[in-house]
């Protein structure tokens, strides 16, 4: 059965193409729910509610997690609360790259 860490590692291969940084380090992943039956629920956000590539990012998340062993179904839920704030949610490395101090 996959772990939260293995799922996060898989999601590090999904980048926001406008920023060129992976969605995990950006802080876009809010929650991961792994059920015993192989279903995974991912609650995440996007950098903007008007993100034109949002559907593509969701599709990439589903594919990346779906490739892991023992995964039967991946359901992605987009949440807007709390709103994404890179100053609070992004990793320190990302903050440095984005010039957030």
PDB file of N, CA and C in Angstrom:
ATOM      1  N   UNK A   1       0.851  -1.187   0.000  1.00  0.00           N
ATOM      2  CA  UNK A   1       0.000   0.000   0.000  1.00  0.00           C
ATOM      3  C   UNK A   1       0.895   1.248   0.000  1.00  0.00           C
ATOM      4  N   UNK A   2       0.564   2.230  -0.824  1.00  0.00           N
ATOM      5  CA  UNK A   2       1.368   3.452  -0.866  1.00  0.00           C
ATOM      6  C   UNK A   2       1.256   4.233   0.439  1.00  0.00           C
ATOM      7  N   UNK A   3       2.257   5.014   0.693  1.00  0.00           N
ATOM      8  CA  UNK A   3       2.275   5.864   1.887  1.00  0.00           C
ATOM      9  C   UNK A   3       2.109   7.327   1.461  1.00  0.00           C
ATOM     10  N   UNK A   4       1.869   8.165   2.430  1.00  0.00           N
ATOM     11  CA  UNK A   4       1.783   9.603   2.159  1.00  0.00           C
ATOM     12  C   UNK A   4       3.081  10.078   1.505  1.00  0.00           C
ATOM     13  N   UNK A   5       4.204   9.609   2.018  1.00  0.00           N
ATOM     14  CA  UNK A   5       5.498  10.018   1.472  1.00  0.00           C
ATOM     15  C   UNK A   5       5.689   9.562   0.030  1.00  0.00           C
ATOM     16  N   UNK A   6       5.283   8.331  -0.287  1.00  0.00           N
ATOM     17  CA  UNK A   6       5.446   7.852  -1.667  1.00  0.00           C
ATOM     18  C   UNK A   6       4.542   8.635  -2.621  1.00  0.00           C
ATOM     19  N   UNK A   7       3.372   9.022  -2.152  1.00  0.00           N
ATOM     20  CA  UNK A   7       2.474   9.830  -2.973  1.00  0.00           C
ATOM     21  C   UNK A   7       3.061  11.228  -3.180  1.00  0.00           C
ATOM     22  N   UNK A   8       3.569  11.821  -2.109  1.00  0.00           N
ATOM     23  CA  UNK A   8       4.194  13.142  -2.238  1.00  0.00           C
ATOM     24  C   UNK A   8       5.385  13.087  -3.194  1.00  0.00           C
ATOM     25  N   UNK A   9       6.169  12.029  -3.101  1.00  0.00           N
ATOM     26  CA  UNK A   9       7.315  11.887  -3.995  1.00  0.00           C
ATOM     27  C   UNK A   9       6.851  11.818  -5.447  1.00  0.00           C
ATOM     28  N   UNK A  10       5.793  11.079  -5.693  1.00  0.00           N
ATOM     29  CA  UNK A  10       5.234  10.987  -7.038  1.00  0.00           C
ATOM     30  C   UNK A  10       4.732  12.346  -7.519  1.00  0.00           C
ATOM     31  N   UNK A  11       4.119  13.102  -6.625  1.00  0.00           N
ATOM     32  CA  UNK A  11       3.577  14.414  -6.986  1.00  0.00           C
ATOM     33  C   UNK A  11       4.664  15.459  -7.225  1.00  0.00           C
ATOM     34  N   UNK A  12       5.871  15.199  -6.763  1.00  0.00           N
ATOM     35  CA  UNK A  12       6.971  16.133  -7.012  1.00  0.00           C
ATOM     36  C   UNK A  12       7.359  16.164  -8.496  1.00  0.00           C
ATOM     37  N   UNK A  13       6.829  15.232  -9.281  1.00  0.00           N
ATOM     38  CA  UNK A  13       7.081  15.222 -10.720  1.00  0.00           C
ATOM     39  C   UNK A  13       6.044  16.057 -11.484  1.00  0.00           C
ATOM     40  N   UNK A  14       5.065  16.590 -10.766  1.00  0.00           N
ATOM     41  CA  UNK A  14       4.033  17.431 -11.393  1.00  0.00           C
ATOM     42  C   UNK A  14       4.392  18.887 -11.106  1.00  0.00           C
ATOM     43  N   UNK A  15       4.644  19.631 -12.173  1.00  0.00           N
ATOM     44  CA  UNK A  15       5.021  21.034 -12.013  1.00  0.00           C
ATOM     45  C   UNK A  15       3.910  21.965 -12.455  1.00  0.00           C
ATOM     46  N   UNK A  16       3.864  23.114 -11.828  1.00  0.00           N
ATOM     47  CA  UNK A  16       3.034  24.197 -12.337  1.00  0.00           C
ATOM     48  C   UNK A  16       3.832  24.783 -13.496  1.00  0.00           C
ATOM     49  N   UNK A  17       3.354  24.627 -14.740  1.00  0.00           N
ATOM     50  CA  UNK A  17       4.161  25.040 -15.886  1.00  0.00           C
ATOM     51  C   UNK A  17       4.416  26.547 -15.977  1.00  0.00           C
ATOM     52  N   UNK A  18       3.559  27.335 -15.380  1.00  0.00           N
ATOM     53  CA  UNK A  18       3.776  28.780 -15.423  1.00  0.00           C
ATOM     54  C   UNK A  18       4.909  29.206 -14.499  1.00  0.00           C
ATOM     55  N   UNK A  19       5.095  28.469 -13.406  1.00  0.00           N
ATOM     56  CA  UNK A  19       6.128  28.812 -12.428  1.00  0.00           C
ATOM     57  C   UNK A  19       7.345  27.909 -12.585  1.00  0.00           C
ATOM     58  N   UNK A  20       7.130  26.675 -13.061  1.00  0.00           N
ATOM     59  CA  UNK A  20       8.232  25.737 -13.249  1.00  0.00           C
ATOM     60  C   UNK A  20       8.722  25.105 -11.969  1.00  0.00           C
ATOM     61  N   UNK A  21       7.830  24.998 -10.989  1.00  0.00           N
ATOM     62  CA  UNK A  21       8.161  24.403  -9.690  1.00  0.00           C
ATOM     63  C   UNK A  21       7.097  23.360  -9.383  1.00  0.00           C
ATOM     64  N   UNK A  22       7.506  22.270  -8.720  1.00  0.00           N
ATOM     65  CA  UNK A  22       6.544  21.200  -8.452  1.00  0.00           C
ATOM     66  C   UNK A  22       5.478  21.627  -7.445  1.00  0.00           C
ATOM     67  N   UNK A  23       4.333  20.993  -7.562  1.00  0.00           N
ATOM     68  CA  UNK A  23       3.160  21.382  -6.771  1.00  0.00           C
ATOM     69  C   UNK A  23       3.300  21.083  -5.284  1.00  0.00           C
ATOM     70  N   UNK A  24       4.149  20.130  -4.926  1.00  0.00           N
ATOM     71  CA  UNK A  24       4.356  19.827  -3.503  1.00  0.00           C
ATOM     72  C   UNK A  24       5.126  20.960  -2.842  1.00  0.00           C
ATOM     73  N   UNK A  25       6.260  21.332  -3.444  1.00  0.00           N
ATOM     74  CA  UNK A  25       7.077  22.393  -2.861  1.00  0.00           C
ATOM     75  C   UNK A  25       6.391  23.754  -2.914  1.00  0.00           C
ATOM     76  N   UNK A  26       5.484  23.932  -3.884  1.00  0.00           N
ATOM     77  CA  UNK A  26       4.703  25.163  -3.927  1.00  0.00           C
ATOM     78  C   UNK A  26       3.685  25.235  -2.789  1.00  0.00           C
ATOM     79  N   UNK A  27       3.382  24.105  -2.183  1.00  0.00           N
ATOM     80  CA  UNK A  27       2.397  24.075  -1.100  1.00  0.00           C
ATOM     81  C   UNK A  27       0.976  23.941  -1.588  1.00  0.00           C
ATOM     82  N   UNK A  28       0.802  23.372  -2.791  1.00  0.00           N
ATOM     83  CA  UNK A  28      -0.538  23.247  -3.356  1.00  0.00           C
ATOM     84  C   UNK A  28      -1.288  22.007  -2.884  1.00  0.00           C
ATOM     85  N   UNK A  29      -0.604  21.073  -2.254  1.00  0.00           N
ATOM     86  CA  UNK A  29      -1.251  19.856  -1.746  1.00  0.00           C
ATOM     87  C   UNK A  29      -1.689  20.112  -0.311  1.00  0.00           C
ATOM     88  N   UNK A  30      -2.989  20.044  -0.074  1.00  0.00           N
ATOM     89  CA  UNK A  30      -3.536  20.300   1.258  1.00  0.00           C
ATOM     90  C   UNK A  30      -3.725  19.023   2.071  1.00  0.00           C
ATOM     91  N   UNK A  31      -4.166  17.947   1.421  1.00  0.00           N
ATOM     92  CA  UNK A  31      -4.449  16.723   2.178  1.00  0.00           C
ATOM     93  C   UNK A  31      -4.366  15.518   1.248  1.00  0.00           C
ATOM     94  N   UNK A  32      -3.981  14.386   1.846  1.00  0.00           N
ATOM     95  CA  UNK A  32      -3.945  13.108   1.134  1.00  0.00           C
ATOM     96  C   UNK A  32      -4.651  12.093   2.010  1.00  0.00           C
ATOM     97  N   UNK A  33      -5.660  11.436   1.441  1.00  0.00           N
ATOM     98  CA  UNK A  33      -6.410  10.416   2.163  1.00  0.00           C
ATOM     99  C   UNK A  33      -6.223   9.087   1.433  1.00  0.00           C
ATOM    100  N   UNK A  34      -5.638   8.123   2.118  1.00  0.00           N
ATOM    101  CA  UNK A  34      -5.378   6.804   1.537  1.00  0.00           C
ATOM    102  C   UNK A  34      -6.292   5.800   2.215  1.00  0.00           C
ATOM    103  N   UNK A  35      -7.160   5.168   1.431  1.00  0.00           N
ATOM    104  CA  UNK A  35      -8.064   4.169   2.013  1.00  0.00           C
ATOM    105  C   UNK A  35      -7.464   2.776   1.864  1.00  0.00           C
ATOM    106  N   UNK A  36      -7.952   1.859   2.652  1.00  0.00           N
ATOM    107  CA  UNK A  36      -7.464   0.482   2.617  1.00  0.00           C
ATOM    108  C   UNK A  36      -7.787  -0.228   1.312  1.00  0.00           C
ATOM    109  N   UNK A  37      -8.780   0.260   0.584  1.00  0.00           N
ATOM    110  CA  UNK A  37      -9.180  -0.409  -0.657  1.00  0.00           C
ATOM    111  C   UNK A  37      -8.430   0.095  -1.890  1.00  0.00           C
ATOM    112  N   UNK A  38      -7.427   0.951  -1.701  1.00  0.00           N
ATOM    113  CA  UNK A  38      -6.619   1.419  -2.818  1.00  0.00           C
ATOM    114  C   UNK A  38      -7.077   2.714  -3.449  1.00  0.00           C
ATOM    115  N   UNK A  39      -8.058   3.357  -2.846  1.00  0.00           N
ATOM    116  CA  UNK A  39      -8.507   4.657  -3.341  1.00  0.00           C
ATOM    117  C   UNK A  39      -7.733   5.762  -2.627  1.00  0.00           C
ATOM    118  N   UNK A  40      -7.380   6.786  -3.388  1.00  0.00           N
ATOM    119  CA  UNK A  40      -6.646   7.918  -2.822  1.00  0.00           C
ATOM    120  C   UNK A  40      -7.411   9.194  -3.136  1.00  0.00           C
ATOM    121  N   UNK A  41      -7.600  10.004  -2.118  1.00  0.00           N
ATOM    122  CA  UNK A  41      -8.204  11.319  -2.290  1.00  0.00           C
ATOM    123  C   UNK A  41      -7.147  12.379  -2.066  1.00  0.00           C
ATOM    124  N   UNK A  42      -7.049  13.305  -2.984  1.00  0.00           N
ATOM    125  CA  UNK A  42      -6.085  14.404  -2.876  1.00  0.00           C
ATOM    126  C   UNK A  42      -6.871  15.695  -2.853  1.00  0.00           C
ATOM    127  N   UNK A  43      -6.656  16.483  -1.818  1.00  0.00           N
ATOM    128  CA  UNK A  43      -7.228  17.823  -1.764  1.00  0.00           C
ATOM    129  C   UNK A  43      -6.080  18.785  -2.026  1.00  0.00           C
ATOM    130  N   UNK A  44      -6.291  19.624  -3.015  1.00  0.00           N
ATOM    131  CA  UNK A  44      -5.235  20.550  -3.409  1.00  0.00           C
ATOM    132  C   UNK A  44      -5.852  21.862  -3.853  1.00  0.00           C
ATOM    133  N   UNK A  45      -4.992  22.813  -4.129  1.00  0.00           N
ATOM    134  CA  UNK A  45      -5.434  24.084  -4.669  1.00  0.00           C
ATOM    135  C   UNK A  45      -4.599  24.397  -5.893  1.00  0.00           C
ATOM    136  N   UNK A  46      -4.877  25.505  -6.501  1.00  0.00           N
ATOM    137  CA  UNK A  46      -4.096  26.008  -7.633  1.00  0.00           C
ATOM    138  C   UNK A  46      -3.592  27.391  -7.257  1.00  0.00           C
ATOM    139  N   UNK A  47      -2.639  27.896  -8.014  1.00  0.00           N
ATOM    140  CA  UNK A  47      -2.077  29.202  -7.674  1.00  0.00           C
ATOM    141  C   UNK A  47      -3.076  30.335  -7.865  1.00  0.00           C
ATOM    142  N   UNK A  48      -4.110  30.075  -8.686  1.00  0.00           N
ATOM    143  CA  UNK A  48      -5.125  31.092  -8.952  1.00  0.00           C
ATOM    144  C   UNK A  48      -6.436  30.411  -9.335  1.00  0.00           C
ATOM    145  N   UNK A  49      -7.567  30.952  -8.886  1.00  0.00           N
ATOM    146  CA  UNK A  49      -8.845  30.392  -9.309  1.00  0.00           C
ATOM    147  C   UNK A  49      -9.047  30.460 -10.826  1.00  0.00           C
ATOM    148  N   UNK A  50      -8.365  31.350 -11.486  1.00  0.00           N
ATOM    149  CA  UNK A  50      -8.498  31.506 -12.935  1.00  0.00           C
ATOM    150  C   UNK A  50      -7.386  30.769 -13.683  1.00  0.00           C
ATOM    151  N   UNK A  51      -6.720  29.853 -13.024  1.00  0.00           N
ATOM    152  CA  UNK A  51      -5.595  29.123 -13.615  1.00  0.00           C
ATOM    153  C   UNK A  51      -6.056  28.388 -14.884  1.00  0.00           C
ATOM    154  N   UNK A  52      -5.552  28.786 -16.058  1.00  0.00           N
ATOM    155  CA  UNK A  52      -6.009  28.173 -17.299  1.00  0.00           C
ATOM    156  C   UNK A  52      -5.537  26.725 -17.482  1.00  0.00           C
ATOM    157  N   UNK A  53      -4.520  26.341 -16.766  1.00  0.00           N
ATOM    158  CA  UNK A  53      -4.004  24.973 -16.922  1.00  0.00           C
ATOM    159  C   UNK A  53      -4.397  24.090 -15.737  1.00  0.00           C
ATOM    160  N   UNK A  54      -5.341  24.560 -14.935  1.00  0.00           N
ATOM    161  CA  UNK A  54      -5.817  23.785 -13.794  1.00  0.00           C
ATOM    162  C   UNK A  54      -6.245  22.368 -14.157  1.00  0.00           C
ATOM    163  N   UNK A  55      -7.086  22.192 -15.180  1.00  0.00           N
ATOM    164  CA  UNK A  55      -7.504  20.836 -15.547  1.00  0.00           C
ATOM    165  C   UNK A  55      -6.318  19.931 -15.934  1.00  0.00           C
ATOM    166  N   UNK A  56      -5.319  20.496 -16.570  1.00  0.00           N
ATOM    167  CA  UNK A  56      -4.141  19.712 -16.950  1.00  0.00           C
ATOM    168  C   UNK A  56      -3.342  19.290 -15.710  1.00  0.00           C
ATOM    169  N   UNK A  57      -3.208  20.185 -14.743  1.00  0.00           N
ATOM    170  CA  UNK A  57      -2.506  19.837 -13.508  1.00  0.00           C
ATOM    171  C   UNK A  57      -3.250  18.724 -12.781  1.00  0.00           C
ATOM    172  N   UNK A  58      -4.571  18.823 -12.698  1.00  0.00           N
ATOM    173  CA  UNK A  58      -5.373  17.778 -12.051  1.00  0.00           C
ATOM    174  C   UNK A  58      -5.165  16.445 -12.758  1.00  0.00           C
ATOM    175  N   UNK A  59      -5.169  16.460 -14.066  1.00  0.00           N
ATOM    176  CA  UNK A  59      -4.942  15.238 -14.840  1.00  0.00           C
ATOM    177  C   UNK A  59      -3.561  14.652 -14.560  1.00  0.00           C
ATOM    178  N   UNK A  60      -2.558  15.489 -14.470  1.00  0.00           N
ATOM    179  CA  UNK A  60      -1.203  15.022 -14.167  1.00  0.00           C
ATOM    180  C   UNK A  60      -1.122  14.429 -12.764  1.00  0.00           C
ATOM    181  N   UNK A  61      -1.837  15.015 -11.810  1.00  0.00           N
ATOM    182  CA  UNK A  61      -1.875  14.476 -10.442  1.00  0.00           C
ATOM    183  C   UNK A  61      -2.491  13.088 -10.458  1.00  0.00           C
ATOM    184  N   UNK A  62      -3.618  12.949 -11.145  1.00  0.00           N
ATOM    185  CA  UNK A  62      -4.288  11.641 -11.229  1.00  0.00           C
ATOM    186  C   UNK A  62      -3.372  10.594 -11.853  1.00  0.00           C
ATOM    187  N   UNK A  63      -2.682  10.955 -12.914  1.00  0.00           N
ATOM    188  CA  UNK A  63      -1.780  10.014 -13.588  1.00  0.00           C
ATOM    189  C   UNK A  63      -0.577   9.662 -12.716  1.00  0.00           C
ATOM    190  N   UNK A  64       0.024  10.667 -12.087  1.00  0.00           N
ATOM    191  CA  UNK A  64       1.219  10.426 -11.272  1.00  0.00           C
ATOM    192  C   UNK A  64       0.919   9.488 -10.104  1.00  0.00           C
ATOM    193  N   UNK A  65      -0.171   9.731  -9.416  1.00  0.00           N
ATOM    194  CA  UNK A  65      -0.530   8.899  -8.261  1.00  0.00           C
ATOM    195  C   UNK A  65      -1.071   7.551  -8.732  1.00  0.00           C
ATOM    196  N   UNK A  66      -1.805   7.553  -9.827  1.00  0.00           N
ATOM    197  CA  UNK A  66      -2.373   6.320 -10.361  1.00  0.00           C
ATOM    198  C   UNK A  66      -1.335   5.298 -10.789  1.00  0.00           C
ATOM    199  N   UNK A  67      -0.116   5.747 -11.067  1.00  0.00           N
ATOM    200  CA  UNK A  67       0.961   4.836 -11.469  1.00  0.00           C
ATOM    201  C   UNK A  67       1.533   4.027 -10.298  1.00  0.00           C
ATOM    202  N   UNK A  68       1.269   4.466  -9.087  1.00  0.00           N
ATOM    203  CA  UNK A  68       1.809   3.762  -7.922  1.00  0.00           C
ATOM    204  C   UNK A  68       1.130   2.403  -7.759  1.00  0.00           C
ATOM    205  N   UNK A  69       1.873   1.447  -7.241  1.00  0.00           N
ATOM    206  CA  UNK A  69       1.327   0.104  -6.997  1.00  0.00           C
ATOM    207  C   UNK A  69       0.152   0.173  -6.029  1.00  0.00           C
ATOM    208  N   UNK A  70      -0.825  -0.675  -6.258  1.00  0.00           N
ATOM    209  CA  UNK A  70      -1.986  -0.859  -5.387  1.00  0.00           C
ATOM    210  C   UNK A  70      -2.972   0.307  -5.377  1.00  0.00           C
ATOM    211  N   UNK A  71      -2.821   1.269  -6.297  1.00  0.00           N
ATOM    212  CA  UNK A  71      -3.787   2.365  -6.390  1.00  0.00           C
ATOM    213  C   UNK A  71      -4.876   1.968  -7.377  1.00  0.00           C
ATOM    214  N   UNK A  72      -6.113   2.037  -6.929  1.00  0.00           N
ATOM    215  CA  UNK A  72      -7.243   1.701  -7.793  1.00  0.00           C
ATOM    216  C   UNK A  72      -7.888   2.946  -8.383  1.00  0.00           C
ATOM    217  N   UNK A  73      -8.043   3.978  -7.560  1.00  0.00           N
ATOM    218  CA  UNK A  73      -8.735   5.182  -8.007  1.00  0.00           C
ATOM    219  C   UNK A  73      -8.116   6.399  -7.326  1.00  0.00           C
ATOM    220  N   UNK A  74      -8.013   7.477  -8.082  1.00  0.00           N
ATOM    221  CA  UNK A  74      -7.516   8.737  -7.537  1.00  0.00           C
ATOM    222  C   UNK A  74      -8.588   9.793  -7.760  1.00  0.00           C
ATOM    223  N   UNK A  75      -8.975  10.450  -6.691  1.00  0.00           N
ATOM    224  CA  UNK A  75      -9.958  11.531  -6.786  1.00  0.00           C
ATOM    225  C   UNK A  75      -9.303  12.815  -6.303  1.00  0.00           C
ATOM    226  N   UNK A  76      -9.300  13.825  -7.165  1.00  0.00           N
ATOM    227  CA  UNK A  76      -8.708  15.114  -6.827  1.00  0.00           C
ATOM    228  C   UNK A  76      -9.827  16.113  -6.565  1.00  0.00           C
ATOM    229  N   UNK A  77      -9.733  16.777  -5.436  1.00  0.00           N
ATOM    230  CA  UNK A  77     -10.681  17.830  -5.081  1.00  0.00           C
ATOM    231  C   UNK A  77      -9.913  19.141  -5.003  1.00  0.00           C
ATOM    232  N   UNK A  78     -10.406  20.144  -5.720  1.00  0.00           N
ATOM    233  CA  UNK A  78      -9.784  21.471  -5.669  1.00  0.00           C
ATOM    234  C   UNK A  78     -10.464  22.274  -4.566  1.00  0.00           C
ATOM    235  N   UNK A  79      -9.644  22.829  -3.689  1.00  0.00           N
ATOM    236  CA  UNK A  79     -10.143  23.640  -2.576  1.00  0.00           C
ATOM    237  C   UNK A  79      -9.591  25.060  -2.713  1.00  0.00           C
ATOM    238  N   UNK A  80     -10.397  26.019  -2.341  1.00  0.00           N
ATOM    239  CA  UNK A  80      -9.949  27.416  -2.395  1.00  0.00           C
ATOM    240  C   UNK A  80      -9.799  28.013  -1.002  1.00  0.00           C
ATOM    241  N   UNK A  81     -10.074  27.215   0.003  1.00  0.00           N
ATOM    242  CA  UNK A  81      -9.969  27.679   1.383  1.00  0.00           C
ATOM    243  C   UNK A  81      -9.077  26.724   2.154  1.00  0.00           C
ATOM    244  N   UNK A  82      -7.955  27.136   2.637  1.00  0.00           N
ATOM    245  CA  UNK A  82      -7.463  28.511   2.590  1.00  0.00           C
ATOM    246  C   UNK A  82      -6.898  28.844   1.214  1.00  0.00           C
ATOM    247  N   UNK A  83      -6.955  30.110   0.828  1.00  0.00           N
ATOM    248  CA  UNK A  83      -6.365  30.502  -0.442  1.00  0.00           C
ATOM    249  C   UNK A  83      -4.853  30.265  -0.401  1.00  0.00           C
ATOM    250  N   UNK A  84      -4.295  29.916  -1.547  1.00  0.00           N
ATOM    251  CA  UNK A  84      -2.864  29.663  -1.614  1.00  0.00           C
ATOM    252  C   UNK A  84      -2.095  30.944  -1.349  1.00  0.00           C
ATOM    253  N   UNK A  85      -1.134  30.836  -0.462  1.00  0.00           N
ATOM    254  CA  UNK A  85      -0.271  31.960  -0.122  1.00  0.00           C
ATOM    255  C   UNK A  85       1.158  31.431  -0.081  1.00  0.00           C
ATOM    256  N   UNK A  86       1.965  31.705  -1.094  1.00  0.00           N
ATOM    257  CA  UNK A  86       3.304  31.134  -1.131  1.00  0.00           C
ATOM    258  C   UNK A  86       4.171  31.541   0.043  1.00  0.00           C
ATOM    259  N   UNK A  87       3.928  32.705   0.627  1.00  0.00           N
ATOM    260  CA  UNK A  87       4.719  33.143   1.777  1.00  0.00           C
ATOM    261  C   UNK A  87       4.520  32.215   2.972  1.00  0.00           C
ATOM    262  N   UNK A  88       3.357  31.564   3.042  1.00  0.00           N
ATOM    263  CA  UNK A  88       3.063  30.669   4.165  1.00  0.00           C
ATOM    264  C   UNK A  88       3.130  29.194   3.786  1.00  0.00           C
ATOM    265  N   UNK A  89       2.869  28.851   2.521  1.00  0.00           N
ATOM    266  CA  UNK A  89       2.672  27.460   2.142  1.00  0.00           C
ATOM    267  C   UNK A  89       3.825  26.851   1.353  1.00  0.00           C
ATOM    268  N   UNK A  90       4.606  27.660   0.690  1.00  0.00           N
ATOM    269  CA  UNK A  90       5.699  27.135  -0.128  1.00  0.00           C
ATOM    270  C   UNK A  90       6.892  26.769   0.741  1.00  0.00           C
ATOM    271  N   UNK A  91       7.723  25.867   0.218  1.00  0.00           N
ATOM    272  CA  UNK A  91       8.941  25.483   0.934  1.00  0.00           C
ATOM    273  C   UNK A  91       9.913  26.669   0.965  1.00  0.00           C
ATOM    274  N   UNK A  92      10.886  26.604   1.850  1.00  0.00           N
ATOM    275  CA  UNK A  92      11.868  27.679   1.959  1.00  0.00           C
ATOM    276  C   UNK A  92      12.639  27.857   0.648  1.00  0.00           C
ATOM    277  N   UNK A  93      12.962  26.744  -0.020  1.00  0.00           N
ATOM    278  CA  UNK A  93      13.672  26.812  -1.302  1.00  0.00           C
ATOM    279  C   UNK A  93      12.836  27.540  -2.343  1.00  0.00           C
ATOM    280  N   UNK A  94      11.545  27.260  -2.376  1.00  0.00           N
ATOM    281  CA  UNK A  94      10.662  27.931  -3.331  1.00  0.00           C
ATOM    282  C   UNK A  94      10.552  29.407  -3.007  1.00  0.00           C
ATOM    283  N   UNK A  95      10.430  29.727  -1.737  1.00  0.00           N
ATOM    284  CA  UNK A  95      10.371  31.145  -1.347  1.00  0.00           C
ATOM    285  C   UNK A  95      11.607  31.875  -1.837  1.00  0.00           C
ATOM    286  N   UNK A  96      12.776  31.258  -1.690  1.00  0.00           N
ATOM    287  CA  UNK A  96      14.005  31.867  -2.186  1.00  0.00           C
ATOM    288  C   UNK A  96      13.958  32.076  -3.695  1.00  0.00           C
ATOM    289  N   UNK A  97      13.501  31.047  -4.419  1.00  0.00           N
ATOM    290  CA  UNK A  97      13.431  31.135  -5.890  1.00  0.00           C
ATOM    291  C   UNK A  97      12.448  32.201  -6.353  1.00  0.00           C
ATOM    292  N   UNK A  98      11.371  32.381  -5.589  1.00  0.00           N
ATOM    293  CA  UNK A  98      10.349  33.369  -5.957  1.00  0.00           C
ATOM    294  C   UNK A  98      10.647  34.763  -5.393  1.00  0.00           C
ATOM    295  N   UNK A  99      11.705  34.870  -4.588  1.00  0.00           N
ATOM    296  CA  UNK A  99      12.062  36.158  -4.010  1.00  0.00           C
ATOM    297  C   UNK A  99      11.165  36.575  -2.871  1.00  0.00           C
ATOM    298  N   UNK A 100      10.657  35.586  -2.132  1.00  0.00           N
ATOM    299  CA  UNK A 100       9.793  35.881  -0.974  1.00  0.00           C
ATOM    300  C   UNK A 100      10.641  35.729   0.287  1.00  0.00           C
ATOM    301  N   UNK A 101      10.812  36.842   1.018  1.00  0.00           N
ATOM    302  CA  UNK A 101      11.623  36.772   2.240  1.00  0.00           C
ATOM    303  C   UNK A 101      10.823  37.128   3.427  1.00  0.00           C
TER     304      UNK A 101
END
